[in-house]
Amino acid sequence: MVDERPAAPARLDPESAEWLGALAGTGPQREAALARLYEMLVRIARAECRRRGPRMQITGPELDDLAYQAAADAVMAITRKIGQFRGDSRFTTWAYKCVILEVSAKIGRHFWRNPPVPLDAEDWDKLPDRFGFDPAHQAEWRDLLVALRRAVDTELTPRQRQVFVAIMVNAVPLDTLALQLGSNRNAIYKTMFDARRKLRAALVTNGYMAHDTTGDS
């Protein structure tokens, strides 16, 4: 007979138990815990914003403002969902993931307020530079680029083509694209994986790439 009872919560480590006890309390103890949590999340958010900022052309006070907003919203999300924490990971790990998601969402929305290119733009001429192709072999990569464009148009589904062009041709960040398409990172990763596999197979079949016996990249 299968036991269908819900699994018991994992045993909390001492640090996580301390965090939950303080945040579930009242008065000065809770206020101090919230302040400590916010300070920790600001550090994480600022580091993540600095890592992603240059690619988004966001710098200075604007980047810091995004970090502070992300940290504040993450604190609200964590306190709202505190009852859902089951101890499968450390509390600080859980909090880290929350603030990273907030950073992704805010940077994504910022990107679409002033996008460097429209989602439906297709600047294929920039693709060789993004892949670091050697100008001395211009004729070779031009032929490959023509073959790649043909494969993108003939081998991919409309969704796969949209995702491939946005990420590989227009350099739209993955988190931003997921937000714009109402999707998530895992779904976009899966779409890109399938698209790359199809394109590689097409290029191999037509003699533009050697067959890789180690599997698809």
Protein backbone atom coordinates (compact mmCIF):
# COMPACT_ATOMS: atom_id res chain seq x y z
CA MET A 1 0.00 0.00 0.00
CA VAL A 2 1.36 3.42 -0.99
CA ASP A 3 1.69 5.98 1.79
CA GLU A 4 0.08 9.15 0.38
CA ARG A 5 0.68 11.29 3.44
CA PRO A 6 2.64 14.51 2.74
CA ALA A 7 6.34 14.35 3.47
CA ALA A 8 7.43 15.77 6.79
CA PRO A 9 9.34 19.05 6.67
CA ALA A 10 13.10 18.70 6.58
CA ARG A 11 14.96 19.30 9.84
CA LEU A 12 16.04 22.93 9.91
CA ASP A 13 19.67 23.83 10.37
CA PRO A 14 20.28 26.14 13.36
CA GLU A 15 20.82 29.26 11.25
CA SER A 16 17.63 28.74 9.25
CA ALA A 17 15.66 28.05 12.42
CA GLU A 18 16.99 31.29 13.90
CA TRP A 19 15.95 33.27 10.81
CA LEU A 20 12.45 31.79 10.79
CA GLY A 21 11.99 32.32 14.51
CA ALA A 22 13.03 35.95 14.30
CA LEU A 23 10.95 36.74 11.20
CA ALA A 24 7.89 35.01 12.66
CA GLY A 25 8.18 37.01 15.87
CA THR A 26 7.02 40.50 16.74
CA GLY A 27 8.44 43.75 17.95
CA PRO A 28 12.13 44.73 17.93
CA GLN A 29 13.34 41.18 17.27
CA ARG A 30 11.40 40.96 14.01
CA GLU A 31 12.35 44.47 12.95
CA ALA A 32 16.03 43.69 13.50
CA ALA A 33 15.72 40.48 11.49
CA LEU A 34 14.01 42.32 8.62
CA ALA A 35 16.74 44.95 8.60
CA ARG A 36 19.43 42.26 8.58
CA LEU A 37 17.65 40.38 5.78
CA TYR A 38 17.28 43.52 3.69
CA GLU A 39 20.97 44.39 4.13
CA MET A 40 21.98 40.89 3.03
CA LEU A 41 19.70 40.98 -0.02
CA VAL A 42 20.94 44.42 -1.06
CA ARG A 43 24.51 43.07 -1.18
CA ILE A 44 23.40 40.13 -3.32
CA ALA A 45 21.25 42.29 -5.59
CA ARG A 46 24.00 44.86 -6.13
CA ALA A 47 26.51 42.17 -7.02
CA GLU A 48 24.07 40.58 -9.48
CA CYS A 49 23.17 43.95 -11.00
CA ARG A 50 26.84 44.80 -11.46
CA ARG A 51 27.36 41.44 -13.17
CA ARG A 52 24.46 41.91 -15.57
CA GLY A 53 24.39 45.68 -15.88
CA PRO A 54 27.05 46.25 -18.57
CA ARG A 55 25.27 43.93 -21.00
CA MET A 56 22.08 45.94 -20.48
CA GLN A 57 23.84 49.28 -20.74
CA ILE A 58 22.68 50.18 -17.21
CA THR A 59 25.18 51.90 -14.92
CA GLY A 60 25.54 54.24 -11.97
CA PRO A 61 22.62 55.31 -9.76
CA GLU A 62 20.10 53.64 -12.05
CA LEU A 63 21.76 50.26 -11.49
CA ASP A 64 21.87 50.79 -7.72
CA ASP A 65 18.21 51.79 -7.74
CA LEU A 66 17.29 48.51 -9.44
CA ALA A 67 19.26 46.60 -6.79
CA TYR A 68 17.53 48.36 -3.89
CA GLN A 69 14.10 47.82 -5.45
CA ALA A 70 14.85 44.14 -6.02
CA ALA A 71 16.00 43.70 -2.41
CA ALA A 72 12.92 45.45 -1.02
CA ASP A 73 10.54 43.37 -3.15
CA ALA A 74 12.41 40.19 -2.24
CA VAL A 75 11.96 40.94 1.49
CA MET A 76 8.22 41.34 0.90
CA ALA A 77 8.06 38.10 -1.10
CA ILE A 78 10.01 36.18 1.54
CA THR A 79 7.90 37.38 4.46
CA ARG A 80 4.74 36.64 2.47
CA LYS A 81 5.89 33.08 1.68
CA ILE A 82 7.67 32.35 4.95
CA GLY A 83 5.12 29.65 5.80
CA GLN A 84 6.07 27.78 2.60
CA PHE A 85 9.69 27.34 3.62
CA ARG A 86 10.18 23.64 4.40
CA GLY A 87 13.91 23.52 5.03
CA ASP A 88 14.91 21.60 1.89
CA SER A 89 17.72 24.15 1.57
CA ARG A 90 19.21 26.72 3.92
CA PHE A 91 17.08 29.80 4.50
CA THR A 92 19.82 32.02 3.11
CA THR A 93 19.92 29.94 -0.10
CA TRP A 94 16.17 30.30 -0.46
CA ALA A 95 16.41 34.06 0.13
CA TYR A 96 19.26 34.30 -2.40
CA LYS A 97 17.09 32.69 -5.09
CA CYS A 98 14.23 35.08 -4.29
CA VAL A 99 16.32 38.21 -4.75
CA ILE A 100 17.98 36.88 -7.92
CA LEU A 101 14.51 36.35 -9.41
CA GLU A 102 13.59 39.92 -8.49
CA VAL A 103 16.76 41.24 -10.13
CA SER A 104 15.99 39.26 -13.29
CA ALA A 105 12.45 40.60 -13.45
CA LYS A 106 13.46 44.22 -12.89
CA ILE A 107 16.34 44.18 -15.36
CA GLY A 108 14.07 42.46 -17.87
CA ARG A 109 11.38 45.14 -17.54
CA HIS A 110 14.03 47.87 -17.73
CA PHE A 111 15.40 46.36 -20.95
CA TRP A 112 12.01 46.47 -22.64
CA ARG A 113 11.37 50.10 -21.73
CA ASN A 114 14.33 51.09 -23.90
CA PRO A 115 15.32 48.06 -25.97
CA PRO A 116 18.44 48.45 -28.14
CA VAL A 117 16.59 46.59 -30.92
CA PRO A 118 12.94 45.57 -31.43
CA LEU A 119 12.16 41.92 -30.70
CA ASP A 120 11.34 41.30 -34.36
CA ALA A 121 14.52 42.95 -35.69
CA GLU A 122 17.07 40.68 -37.37
CA ASP A 123 20.56 42.15 -37.64
CA TRP A 124 22.34 39.08 -38.98
CA ASP A 125 25.39 41.12 -40.04
CA LYS A 126 26.40 41.39 -36.37
CA LEU A 127 26.40 37.63 -35.84
CA PRO A 128 30.01 37.03 -37.00
CA ASP A 129 31.31 39.59 -34.48
CA ARG A 130 29.38 37.93 -31.63
CA PHE A 131 30.95 34.58 -32.47
CA GLY A 132 34.44 36.05 -32.89
CA PHE A 133 34.85 34.97 -36.50
CA ASP A 134 38.22 35.84 -38.01
CA PRO A 135 37.86 38.55 -40.73
CA ALA A 136 40.64 36.78 -42.65
CA HIS A 137 38.21 33.90 -43.27
CA GLN A 138 35.33 36.13 -44.35
CA ALA A 139 34.36 33.99 -47.37
CA GLU A 140 34.08 30.86 -45.22
CA TRP A 141 31.87 32.32 -42.52
CA ARG A 142 29.74 34.16 -45.09
CA ASP A 143 28.87 30.81 -46.65
CA LEU A 144 28.18 29.36 -43.22
CA LEU A 145 26.00 32.34 -42.29
CA VAL A 146 23.91 31.94 -45.45
CA ALA A 147 23.47 28.24 -44.68
CA LEU A 148 22.57 29.00 -41.07
CA ARG A 149 19.93 31.56 -42.06
CA ARG A 150 18.44 29.08 -44.52
CA ALA A 151 18.29 26.41 -41.81
CA VAL A 152 16.72 28.85 -39.32
CA ASP A 153 13.98 29.62 -41.87
CA THR A 154 13.34 26.04 -42.96
CA GLU A 155 14.11 23.77 -39.99
CA LEU A 156 12.80 25.64 -36.94
CA THR A 157 9.29 26.08 -35.66
CA PRO A 158 8.07 29.71 -35.43
CA ARG A 159 8.69 29.68 -31.65
CA GLN A 160 12.17 28.18 -32.02
CA ARG A 161 13.02 30.75 -34.68
CA GLN A 162 11.77 33.61 -32.51
CA VAL A 163 13.85 32.50 -29.54
CA PHE A 164 16.98 31.74 -31.58
CA VAL A 165 16.93 35.07 -33.42
CA ALA A 166 16.25 37.06 -30.23
CA ILE A 167 19.08 35.45 -28.25
CA MET A 168 21.71 34.66 -30.88
CA VAL A 169 21.16 37.42 -33.43
CA ASN A 170 19.78 40.32 -31.40
CA ALA A 171 21.59 39.46 -28.13
CA VAL A 172 18.42 39.76 -26.04
CA PRO A 173 19.17 38.47 -22.50
CA LEU A 174 17.49 35.17 -21.68
CA ASP A 175 15.69 36.50 -18.59
CA THR A 176 14.39 39.45 -20.58
CA LEU A 177 13.11 37.26 -23.38
CA ALA A 178 11.38 34.93 -20.92
CA LEU A 179 9.61 37.92 -19.37
CA GLN A 180 8.57 39.33 -22.74
CA LEU A 181 7.23 35.99 -23.97
CA GLY A 182 5.46 35.18 -20.72
CA SER A 183 7.67 32.13 -20.28
CA ASN A 184 10.47 31.06 -17.94
CA ARG A 185 14.19 30.31 -18.11
CA ASN A 186 13.79 26.54 -18.30
CA ALA A 187 11.32 26.73 -21.19
CA ILE A 188 13.56 29.15 -23.12
CA TYR A 189 16.61 26.92 -22.47
CA LYS A 190 14.68 23.91 -23.80
CA THR A 191 13.57 25.80 -26.91
CA MET A 192 17.13 26.95 -27.59
CA PHE A 193 18.51 23.45 -27.07
CA ASP A 194 16.04 21.97 -29.55
CA ALA A 195 16.70 24.76 -32.06
CA ARG A 196 20.47 24.34 -31.87
CA ARG A 197 20.17 20.59 -32.28
CA LYS A 198 18.07 21.02 -35.44
CA LEU A 199 20.41 23.65 -36.88
CA ARG A 200 23.51 21.59 -36.18
CA ALA A 201 21.95 18.55 -37.85
CA ALA A 202 21.08 20.63 -40.91
CA LEU A 203 24.58 22.11 -41.18
CA VAL A 204 26.18 18.68 -40.77
CA THR A 205 23.90 17.17 -43.42
CA ASN A 206 24.80 19.92 -45.88
CA GLY A 207 28.53 19.64 -45.23
CA TYR A 208 29.04 22.91 -43.37
CA MET A 209 30.00 21.24 -40.09
CA ALA A 210 31.71 17.98 -39.18
CA HIS A 211 29.61 15.33 -37.48
CA ASP A 212 30.20 15.36 -33.71
CA THR A 213 30.16 11.82 -32.37
CA THR A 214 30.19 13.09 -28.77
CA GLY A 215 26.60 14.34 -29.06
CA ASP A 216 24.79 17.61 -29.58
CA SER A 217 26.17 20.74 -27.99
